Each structure stands twice: as structure tokens, then as C-alpha cells.
Amino acid sequence: MGQNNGTGLRLAVFDCDGTLVDSQHVIVACMNEAFAGEGLTAPAMAAVRRIIGLPLEECMLRLAPDEAAARHLRLIEAYKEAFFVMRQRPDHYEPLFEGAVAALEAIEADGWLLGVATGKSLRGLNAVLERHDLHRRFITLQCGDMGPGKPDPAMLERAMAETGTARDDTVMIGDTTYDMAMAHNAGVHAIGVDWGYHPTDELLGAGAQAIVSSFAELPAAVAACADRPPRSPQAPRRTGT
């Protein structure tokens, strides 16, 4: 891992679902199974796409707002179990987005440390990274079961603490408003990707400083962060519906 021209380490943190891997169909299928197990009507796919990246507790509050807390807990456990079972199937499909590996290699070669900040559990994230042989690339893994979830800045604060990087030398790359708001709340750079689950106008509204349309564009966008300051941090905020 390289240095930033002798001025310190630099850290590029990636969201997982919708940024590195296309997992929406698996997430929707598991959510449908969880709701069916409780005798509830499955949420619309568009509604599930909106909550990808949030902590599961927040997901269930938004998808089943009229249900009691006890049912939310059962939905969470059913969702986790469905995902665990589905991950064991030989036809399990969570593909990397095209160009992801080449972009990671280029960003790393340019002297950046790599990390992940995701709403997935650590077990789920490890399974994805192992499936795609990516585990060795990331030196910090921040997950939804480690503490406050997006858009709280806690995951990025821990990632910077673990790697010894400063806010000015840290960039968050993600596809949702929650990623952009987390970056803004932590006072780090924010790059949105347009192949994920939230529209680009919402990403810009939530604090994205740049939007890329392919992984091929990402290394240059990350490098450009060295030439501008990140936006000032603020108190954590809720974004999206």
C-alpha cells in the first residue's frame, strides 16, 4: 500500500450492495420469504430497493410501519435465515458489477488503502468477498452489525481510526443517499455511482461531490479528491424514504 506523496495514507471506502455487487434480486427474494413467513404481503421491489444499505431494524420499520416491534424482530431473523440458506445454494447469484476488480486494482496501485462500509452483517460481507476472491484487497471492514448504521458516520470514523487516515484523505464510494449522507456527516469525500439503487439527482442532493457512470471512470474520480476539500461534517441526518 502506498503513501500520498509522503503526506499520509489515503483511504477509499466502498459500499457493497449496489456498488460492488448487484444483490437486489437476492435481497428482494429473502425479504419476500421473510414477509411470507409472517403472513404479510411482500413489499414492492421498488420499496425494497429504497432501503438497501440501511440497518435491518430501520428496513423493517420502513417496510412494515404498522407492525409491532416483536414482529419486526421476527422479520429480521427470518430475513437473515433466508439469506444464509440462499447463500449455500449452488445457483446463488450476487455478481460483481463490470469493471469492479480492475478499478480496485487501479485505485490500490495509486496508493489508496481500500475498505468496505456496508449494511450487511460481517458474516454476509465475508461470504461475498470470499466468493469473488476480494478479501485480501480490503484492510478495514465496517458492517451493519458493528454499531450505528448509515447515515451515521460511525462506520467511516472507525475505518479512519483503524487505518490512521484523515478526513481529507478519505473517500466514500456508494450508490445510495445513505452512503452520501454518511460521508457528508463524517466530513469525507463522497462519490456516487449511477448503476446502483438510488437516482443520481438524489445522490447529489445527499452530498455526492461527483457521480461516475462506470467503474472505468472511478480511479480518476478518486484521484481528483486530492485536489478538493471534502464538505464539512454535520450532525447525522436521515435521508431517503
C-alpha atoms as a PDB file:
ATOM      1  CA  MET A   1       0.000   0.000   0.000  1.00  0.00           C
ATOM      2  CA  GLY A   2       1.329   3.382  -0.962  1.00  0.00           C
ATOM      3  CA  GLN A   3       1.618   6.792   0.615  1.00  0.00           C
ATOM      4  CA  ASN A   4       0.015  10.031  -0.523  1.00  0.00           C
ATOM      5  CA  ASN A   5       3.208  11.687  -1.795  1.00  0.00           C
ATOM      6  CA  GLY A   6       4.650  11.499   1.705  1.00  0.00           C
ATOM      7  CA  THR A   7       1.741  13.395   3.303  1.00  0.00           C
ATOM      8  CA  GLY A   8      -0.128  10.406   4.748  1.00  0.00           C
ATOM      9  CA  LEU A   9      -2.222   7.396   3.923  1.00  0.00           C
ATOM     10  CA  ARG A  10      -5.340   7.647   1.772  1.00  0.00           C
ATOM     11  CA  LEU A  11      -8.450   5.514   2.189  1.00  0.00           C
ATOM     12  CA  ALA A  12     -11.146   4.600  -0.366  1.00  0.00           C
ATOM     13  CA  VAL A  13     -14.196   3.014   1.281  1.00  0.00           C
ATOM     14  CA  PHE A  14     -16.750   1.130  -0.812  1.00  0.00           C
ATOM     15  CA  ASP A  15     -20.347   0.262  -0.180  1.00  0.00           C
ATOM     16  CA  CYS A  16     -21.130  -3.361  -1.083  1.00  0.00           C
ATOM     17  CA  ASP A  17     -24.736  -3.923  -2.259  1.00  0.00           C
ATOM     18  CA  GLY A  18     -25.446  -1.857  -5.360  1.00  0.00           C
ATOM     19  CA  THR A  19     -21.865  -0.613  -5.615  1.00  0.00           C
ATOM     20  CA  LEU A  20     -19.554  -3.625  -5.732  1.00  0.00           C
ATOM     21  CA  VAL A  21     -22.148  -6.370  -6.219  1.00  0.00           C
ATOM     22  CA  ASP A  22     -25.628  -6.491  -7.732  1.00  0.00           C
ATOM     23  CA  SER A  23     -27.566  -8.155  -4.937  1.00  0.00           C
ATOM     24  CA  GLN A  24     -31.011  -6.608  -5.320  1.00  0.00           C
ATOM     25  CA  HIS A  25     -32.745  -9.760  -6.559  1.00  0.00           C
ATOM     26  CA  VAL A  26     -31.373 -11.853  -3.694  1.00  0.00           C
ATOM     27  CA  ILE A  27     -32.336  -9.194  -1.154  1.00  0.00           C
ATOM     28  CA  VAL A  28     -35.859  -8.932  -2.571  1.00  0.00           C
ATOM     29  CA  ALA A  29     -36.277 -12.727  -2.593  1.00  0.00           C
ATOM     30  CA  CYS A  30     -35.152 -13.015   1.038  1.00  0.00           C
ATOM     31  CA  MET A  31     -37.395 -10.129   2.095  1.00  0.00           C
ATOM     32  CA  ASN A  32     -40.354 -11.773   0.331  1.00  0.00           C
ATOM     33  CA  GLU A  33     -39.673 -15.041   2.137  1.00  0.00           C
ATOM     34  CA  ALA A  34     -39.444 -13.302   5.499  1.00  0.00           C
ATOM     35  CA  PHE A  35     -42.746 -11.483   4.983  1.00  0.00           C
ATOM     36  CA  ALA A  36     -44.472 -14.624   3.717  1.00  0.00           C
ATOM     37  CA  GLY A  37     -43.387 -16.456   6.841  1.00  0.00           C
ATOM     38  CA  GLU A  38     -45.246 -13.855   8.902  1.00  0.00           C
ATOM     39  CA  GLY A  39     -48.332 -13.983   6.683  1.00  0.00           C
ATOM     40  CA  LEU A  40     -47.680 -10.464   5.399  1.00  0.00           C
ATOM     41  CA  THR A  41     -47.895  -9.107   1.873  1.00  0.00           C
ATOM     42  CA  ALA A  42     -44.436  -8.801   0.390  1.00  0.00           C
ATOM     43  CA  PRO A  43     -43.206  -5.226  -0.112  1.00  0.00           C
ATOM     44  CA  ALA A  44     -42.838  -3.924  -3.647  1.00  0.00           C
ATOM     45  CA  MET A  45     -39.430  -4.349  -5.244  1.00  0.00           C
ATOM     46  CA  ALA A  46     -39.076  -0.564  -5.534  1.00  0.00           C
ATOM     47  CA  ALA A  47     -39.664  -0.221  -1.798  1.00  0.00           C
ATOM     48  CA  VAL A  48     -37.001  -2.821  -1.025  1.00  0.00           C
ATOM     49  CA  ARG A  49     -34.508  -1.103  -3.332  1.00  0.00           C
ATOM     50  CA  ARG A  50     -35.058   2.120  -1.397  1.00  0.00           C
ATOM     51  CA  ILE A  51     -33.947   0.614   1.915  1.00  0.00           C
ATOM     52  CA  ILE A  52     -30.912  -1.381   0.741  1.00  0.00           C
ATOM     53  CA  GLY A  53     -27.957  -0.237   2.823  1.00  0.00           C
ATOM     54  CA  LEU A  54     -29.873   0.647   5.969  1.00  0.00           C
ATOM     55  CA  PRO A  55     -29.705  -1.360   9.209  1.00  0.00           C
ATOM     56  CA  LEU A  56     -32.260  -4.184   9.181  1.00  0.00           C
ATOM     57  CA  GLU A  57     -34.141  -2.632  12.092  1.00  0.00           C
ATOM     58  CA  GLU A  58     -34.687   0.524  10.047  1.00  0.00           C
ATOM     59  CA  CYS A  59     -35.575  -1.534   6.965  1.00  0.00           C
ATOM     60  CA  MET A  60     -38.403  -3.314   8.751  1.00  0.00           C
ATOM     61  CA  LEU A  61     -39.677  -0.074  10.277  1.00  0.00           C
ATOM     62  CA  ARG A  62     -39.973   1.373   6.799  1.00  0.00           C
ATOM     63  CA  LEU A  63     -41.315  -1.706   5.043  1.00  0.00           C
ATOM     64  CA  ALA A  64     -43.808  -2.664   7.770  1.00  0.00           C
ATOM     65  CA  PRO A  65     -44.509   0.570   9.658  1.00  0.00           C
ATOM     66  CA  ASP A  66     -47.798  -0.652  11.136  1.00  0.00           C
ATOM     67  CA  GLU A  67     -46.367  -3.822  12.668  1.00  0.00           C
ATOM     68  CA  ALA A  68     -45.246  -4.212  16.280  1.00  0.00           C
ATOM     69  CA  ALA A  69     -41.623  -4.363  17.364  1.00  0.00           C
ATOM     70  CA  ALA A  70     -41.859  -8.085  18.108  1.00  0.00           C
ATOM     71  CA  ARG A  71     -42.907  -8.806  14.534  1.00  0.00           C
ATOM     72  CA  HIS A  72     -40.077  -6.623  13.225  1.00  0.00           C
ATOM     73  CA  LEU A  73     -37.635  -8.763  15.184  1.00  0.00           C
ATOM     74  CA  ARG A  74     -39.126 -11.941  13.710  1.00  0.00           C
ATOM     75  CA  LEU A  75     -38.886 -10.475  10.215  1.00  0.00           C
ATOM     76  CA  ILE A  76     -35.236  -9.642  10.786  1.00  0.00           C
ATOM     77  CA  GLU A  77     -34.388 -13.146  11.934  1.00  0.00           C
ATOM     78  CA  ALA A  78     -36.358 -14.713   9.079  1.00  0.00           C
ATOM     79  CA  TYR A  79     -34.580 -12.489   6.570  1.00  0.00           C
ATOM     80  CA  LYS A  80     -31.168 -13.443   7.967  1.00  0.00           C
ATOM     81  CA  GLU A  81     -32.022 -17.136   7.870  1.00  0.00           C
ATOM     82  CA  ALA A  82     -33.341 -16.909   4.304  1.00  0.00           C
ATOM     83  CA  PHE A  83     -30.148 -15.177   3.197  1.00  0.00           C
ATOM     84  CA  PHE A  84     -27.966 -17.768   4.922  1.00  0.00           C
ATOM     85  CA  VAL A  85     -29.822 -20.635   3.239  1.00  0.00           C
ATOM     86  CA  MET A  86     -29.846 -18.970  -0.166  1.00  0.00           C
ATOM     87  CA  ARG A  87     -26.109 -18.282   0.049  1.00  0.00           C
ATOM     88  CA  GLN A  88     -25.444 -22.017   0.334  1.00  0.00           C
ATOM     89  CA  ARG A  89     -27.240 -22.831  -2.915  1.00  0.00           C
ATOM     90  CA  PRO A  90     -25.012 -23.607  -5.936  1.00  0.00           C
ATOM     91  CA  ASP A  91     -27.014 -21.201  -8.092  1.00  0.00           C
ATOM     92  CA  HIS A  92     -26.633 -18.284  -5.651  1.00  0.00           C
ATOM     93  CA  TYR A  93     -26.021 -15.178  -7.747  1.00  0.00           C
ATOM     94  CA  GLU A  94     -24.584 -11.891  -6.468  1.00  0.00           C
ATOM     95  CA  PRO A  95     -22.376 -10.786  -9.382  1.00  0.00           C
ATOM     96  CA  LEU A  96     -19.741  -8.096  -9.246  1.00  0.00           C
ATOM     97  CA  PHE A  97     -20.541  -5.092 -11.384  1.00  0.00           C
ATOM     98  CA  GLU A  98     -18.498  -4.969 -14.580  1.00  0.00           C
ATOM     99  CA  GLY A  99     -15.040  -3.466 -14.152  1.00  0.00           C
ATOM    100  CA  ALA A 100     -15.002  -3.635 -10.346  1.00  0.00           C
ATOM    101  CA  VAL A 101     -11.805  -5.654  -9.990  1.00  0.00           C
ATOM    102  CA  ALA A 102      -9.845  -3.547 -12.488  1.00  0.00           C
ATOM    103  CA  ALA A 103     -10.928  -0.356 -10.728  1.00  0.00           C
ATOM    104  CA  LEU A 104      -9.940  -1.696  -7.320  1.00  0.00           C
ATOM    105  CA  GLU A 105      -6.542  -2.667  -8.689  1.00  0.00           C
ATOM    106  CA  ALA A 106      -6.020   0.789 -10.235  1.00  0.00           C
ATOM    107  CA  ILE A 107      -7.072   2.671  -7.103  1.00  0.00           C
ATOM    108  CA  GLU A 108      -4.863   0.493  -4.925  1.00  0.00           C
ATOM    109  CA  ALA A 109      -1.929   0.936  -7.330  1.00  0.00           C
ATOM    110  CA  ASP A 110      -2.391   4.706  -6.997  1.00  0.00           C
ATOM    111  CA  GLY A 111      -1.609   4.431  -3.287  1.00  0.00           C
ATOM    112  CA  TRP A 112      -5.031   4.110  -1.676  1.00  0.00           C
ATOM    113  CA  LEU A 113      -5.945   1.741   1.113  1.00  0.00           C
ATOM    114  CA  LEU A 114      -9.261   0.002   0.458  1.00  0.00           C
ATOM    115  CA  GLY A 115     -12.149  -0.588   2.847  1.00  0.00           C
ATOM    116  CA  VAL A 116     -15.828  -1.514   2.907  1.00  0.00           C
ATOM    117  CA  ALA A 117     -18.721   0.100   4.799  1.00  0.00           C
ATOM    118  CA  THR A 118     -21.968  -1.807   4.360  1.00  0.00           C
ATOM    119  CA  GLY A 119     -25.289  -2.528   5.954  1.00  0.00           C
ATOM    120  CA  LYS A 120     -24.550  -6.246   5.552  1.00  0.00           C
ATOM    121  CA  SER A 121     -23.579  -8.330   8.537  1.00  0.00           C
ATOM    122  CA  LEU A 122     -19.919  -9.261   8.800  1.00  0.00           C
ATOM    123  CA  ARG A 123     -20.859 -12.860   8.007  1.00  0.00           C
ATOM    124  CA  GLY A 124     -22.671 -11.747   4.864  1.00  0.00           C
ATOM    125  CA  LEU A 125     -19.878  -9.444   3.740  1.00  0.00           C
ATOM    126  CA  ASN A 126     -17.216 -12.098   4.271  1.00  0.00           C
ATOM    127  CA  ALA A 127     -19.243 -14.515   2.157  1.00  0.00           C
ATOM    128  CA  VAL A 128     -19.416 -12.025  -0.717  1.00  0.00           C
ATOM    129  CA  LEU A 129     -15.722 -11.151  -0.555  1.00  0.00           C
ATOM    130  CA  GLU A 130     -14.685 -14.787  -0.420  1.00  0.00           C
ATOM    131  CA  ARG A 131     -16.979 -15.709  -3.310  1.00  0.00           C
ATOM    132  CA  HIS A 132     -15.318 -13.084  -5.501  1.00  0.00           C
ATOM    133  CA  ASP A 133     -11.791 -13.518  -4.089  1.00  0.00           C
ATOM    134  CA  LEU A 134     -11.689  -9.921  -2.851  1.00  0.00           C
ATOM    135  CA  HIS A 135     -10.963 -10.405   0.838  1.00  0.00           C
ATOM    136  CA  ARG A 136      -7.246  -9.631   0.606  1.00  0.00           C
ATOM    137  CA  ARG A 137      -7.892  -6.254  -1.023  1.00  0.00           C
ATOM    138  CA  PHE A 138      -9.684  -4.625   1.906  1.00  0.00           C
ATOM    139  CA  ILE A 139      -7.910  -3.779   5.143  1.00  0.00           C
ATOM    140  CA  THR A 140     -10.931  -2.438   7.023  1.00  0.00           C
ATOM    141  CA  LEU A 141     -14.435  -3.926   7.015  1.00  0.00           C
ATOM    142  CA  GLN A 142     -17.280  -1.991   8.633  1.00  0.00           C
ATOM    143  CA  CYS A 143     -20.646  -3.719   8.836  1.00  0.00           C
ATOM    144  CA  GLY A 144     -24.201  -3.156   9.961  1.00  0.00           C
ATOM    145  CA  ASP A 145     -23.875  -5.412  12.992  1.00  0.00           C
ATOM    146  CA  MET A 146     -20.930  -3.469  14.455  1.00  0.00           C
ATOM    147  CA  GLY A 147     -22.790  -0.392  15.670  1.00  0.00           C
ATOM    148  CA  PRO A 148     -24.780   2.539  14.284  1.00  0.00           C
ATOM    149  CA  GLY A 149     -25.649   2.126  10.615  1.00  0.00           C
ATOM    150  CA  LYS A 150     -25.842   4.565   7.728  1.00  0.00           C
ATOM    151  CA  PRO A 151     -26.157   7.527   7.555  1.00  0.00           C
ATOM    152  CA  ASP A 152     -24.497   7.768  10.975  1.00  0.00           C
ATOM    153  CA  PRO A 153     -20.756   8.466  10.448  1.00  0.00           C
ATOM    154  CA  ALA A 154     -19.655   5.736  12.888  1.00  0.00           C
ATOM    155  CA  MET A 155     -18.527   3.225  10.245  1.00  0.00           C
ATOM    156  CA  LEU A 156     -16.326   5.766   8.497  1.00  0.00           C
ATOM    157  CA  GLU A 157     -14.994   7.060  11.816  1.00  0.00           C
ATOM    158  CA  ARG A 158     -13.938   3.512  12.736  1.00  0.00           C
ATOM    159  CA  ALA A 159     -12.418   2.897   9.311  1.00  0.00           C
ATOM    160  CA  MET A 160     -10.303   6.046   9.573  1.00  0.00           C
ATOM    161  CA  ALA A 161      -9.250   5.169  13.115  1.00  0.00           C
ATOM    162  CA  GLU A 162      -8.233   1.647  12.093  1.00  0.00           C
ATOM    163  CA  THR A 163      -6.175   2.820   9.117  1.00  0.00           C
ATOM    164  CA  GLY A 164      -4.766   6.054  10.508  1.00  0.00           C
ATOM    165  CA  THR A 165      -6.210   8.177   7.712  1.00  0.00           C
ATOM    166  CA  ALA A 166      -7.517  11.728   7.919  1.00  0.00           C
ATOM    167  CA  ARG A 167     -10.873  13.033   6.728  1.00  0.00           C
ATOM    168  CA  ASP A 168      -9.291  14.973   3.861  1.00  0.00           C
ATOM    169  CA  ASP A 169      -7.665  11.739   2.645  1.00  0.00           C
ATOM    170  CA  THR A 170     -10.758   9.541   2.820  1.00  0.00           C
ATOM    171  CA  VAL A 171     -13.429   8.967   0.166  1.00  0.00           C
ATOM    172  CA  MET A 172     -16.697   7.041   0.353  1.00  0.00           C
ATOM    173  CA  ILE A 173     -17.989   5.397  -2.839  1.00  0.00           C
ATOM    174  CA  GLY A 174     -21.614   4.281  -2.894  1.00  0.00           C
ATOM    175  CA  ASP A 175     -24.912   4.074  -4.737  1.00  0.00           C
ATOM    176  CA  THR A 176     -27.422   5.337  -2.154  1.00  0.00           C
ATOM    177  CA  THR A 177     -28.280   8.564  -0.417  1.00  0.00           C
ATOM    178  CA  TYR A 178     -27.356   6.833   2.846  1.00  0.00           C
ATOM    179  CA  ASP A 179     -23.764   6.416   1.624  1.00  0.00           C
ATOM    180  CA  MET A 180     -23.523  10.036   0.554  1.00  0.00           C
ATOM    181  CA  ALA A 181     -25.087  11.329   3.781  1.00  0.00           C
ATOM    182  CA  MET A 182     -22.747   9.151   5.862  1.00  0.00           C
ATOM    183  CA  ALA A 183     -19.758  10.599   4.007  1.00  0.00           C
ATOM    184  CA  HIS A 184     -21.072  14.131   4.466  1.00  0.00           C
ATOM    185  CA  ASN A 185     -21.728  13.521   8.163  1.00  0.00           C
ATOM    186  CA  ALA A 186     -18.176  12.188   8.588  1.00  0.00           C
ATOM    187  CA  GLY A 187     -16.631  15.078   6.663  1.00  0.00           C
ATOM    188  CA  VAL A 188     -15.042  12.901   3.965  1.00  0.00           C
ATOM    189  CA  HIS A 189     -15.226  12.938   0.175  1.00  0.00           C
ATOM    190  CA  ALA A 190     -18.299  11.366  -1.436  1.00  0.00           C
ATOM    191  CA  ILE A 191     -18.519   9.760  -4.897  1.00  0.00           C
ATOM    192  CA  GLY A 192     -21.808   8.358  -6.145  1.00  0.00           C
ATOM    193  CA  VAL A 193     -22.208   5.580  -8.714  1.00  0.00           C
ATOM    194  CA  ASP A 194     -25.157   5.581 -11.095  1.00  0.00           C
ATOM    195  CA  TRP A 195     -25.513   1.803 -11.565  1.00  0.00           C
ATOM    196  CA  GLY A 196     -26.999   1.176  -8.119  1.00  0.00           C
ATOM    197  CA  TYR A 197     -30.293   1.633  -6.336  1.00  0.00           C
ATOM    198  CA  HIS A 198     -30.872   5.392  -5.900  1.00  0.00           C
ATOM    199  CA  PRO A 199     -31.184   8.040  -8.663  1.00  0.00           C
ATOM    200  CA  THR A 200     -28.235  10.341  -9.304  1.00  0.00           C
ATOM    201  CA  ASP A 201     -30.183  13.508  -8.529  1.00  0.00           C
ATOM    202  CA  GLU A 202     -30.843  12.149  -5.049  1.00  0.00           C
ATOM    203  CA  LEU A 203     -27.179  11.222  -4.624  1.00  0.00           C
ATOM    204  CA  LEU A 204     -26.176  14.794  -5.464  1.00  0.00           C
ATOM    205  CA  GLY A 205     -28.799  16.153  -3.099  1.00  0.00           C
ATOM    206  CA  ALA A 206     -27.449  13.949  -0.306  1.00  0.00           C
ATOM    207  CA  GLY A 207     -23.892  15.232  -0.683  1.00  0.00           C
ATOM    208  CA  ALA A 208     -22.188  13.470  -3.609  1.00  0.00           C
ATOM    209  CA  GLN A 209     -19.340  15.585  -4.957  1.00  0.00           C
ATOM    210  CA  ALA A 210     -19.062  13.533  -8.141  1.00  0.00           C
ATOM    211  CA  ILE A 211     -21.052  10.858  -9.976  1.00  0.00           C
ATOM    212  CA  VAL A 212     -19.461   8.129 -12.098  1.00  0.00           C
ATOM    213  CA  SER A 213     -21.256   6.021 -14.714  1.00  0.00           C
ATOM    214  CA  SER A 214     -18.835   3.102 -14.833  1.00  0.00           C
ATOM    215  CA  PHE A 215     -16.050   1.563 -12.792  1.00  0.00           C
ATOM    216  CA  ALA A 216     -13.682   2.656 -15.568  1.00  0.00           C
ATOM    217  CA  GLU A 217     -14.327   6.279 -14.530  1.00  0.00           C
ATOM    218  CA  LEU A 218     -13.821   5.675 -10.828  1.00  0.00           C
ATOM    219  CA  PRO A 219      -9.994   5.704 -10.442  1.00  0.00           C
ATOM    220  CA  ALA A 220      -9.782   9.209 -11.940  1.00  0.00           C
ATOM    221  CA  ALA A 221     -12.673  10.420  -9.782  1.00  0.00           C
ATOM    222  CA  VAL A 222     -10.990   9.084  -6.654  1.00  0.00           C
ATOM    223  CA  ALA A 223      -7.661  10.660  -7.626  1.00  0.00           C
ATOM    224  CA  ALA A 224      -9.406  14.008  -8.135  1.00  0.00           C
ATOM    225  CA  CYS A 225     -10.406  14.043  -4.462  1.00  0.00           C
ATOM    226  CA  ALA A 226      -6.835  15.084  -3.647  1.00  0.00           C
ATOM    227  CA  ASP A 227      -7.485  18.390  -5.429  1.00  0.00           C
ATOM    228  CA  ARG A 228     -10.560  19.487  -3.461  1.00  0.00           C
ATOM    229  CA  PRO A 229     -11.632  19.505   0.181  1.00  0.00           C
ATOM    230  CA  PRO A 230     -14.495  17.321   1.385  1.00  0.00           C
ATOM    231  CA  ARG A 231     -17.649  19.020   2.571  1.00  0.00           C
ATOM    232  CA  SER A 232     -17.778  19.988   6.234  1.00  0.00           C
ATOM    233  CA  PRO A 233     -19.247  17.380   8.586  1.00  0.00           C
ATOM    234  CA  GLN A 234     -22.563  17.908  10.299  1.00  0.00           C
ATOM    235  CA  ALA A 235     -24.811  16.083  12.756  1.00  0.00           C
ATOM    236  CA  PRO A 236     -26.089  12.744  11.371  1.00  0.00           C
ATOM    237  CA  ARG A 237     -29.251  13.114   9.325  1.00  0.00           C
ATOM    238  CA  ARG A 238     -31.931  10.856   7.859  1.00  0.00           C
ATOM    239  CA  THR A 239     -32.261  10.791   4.093  1.00  0.00           C
ATOM    240  CA  GLY A 240     -34.500   8.931   1.681  1.00  0.00           C
ATOM    241  CA  THR A 241     -37.904   7.421   2.267  1.00  0.00           C
END
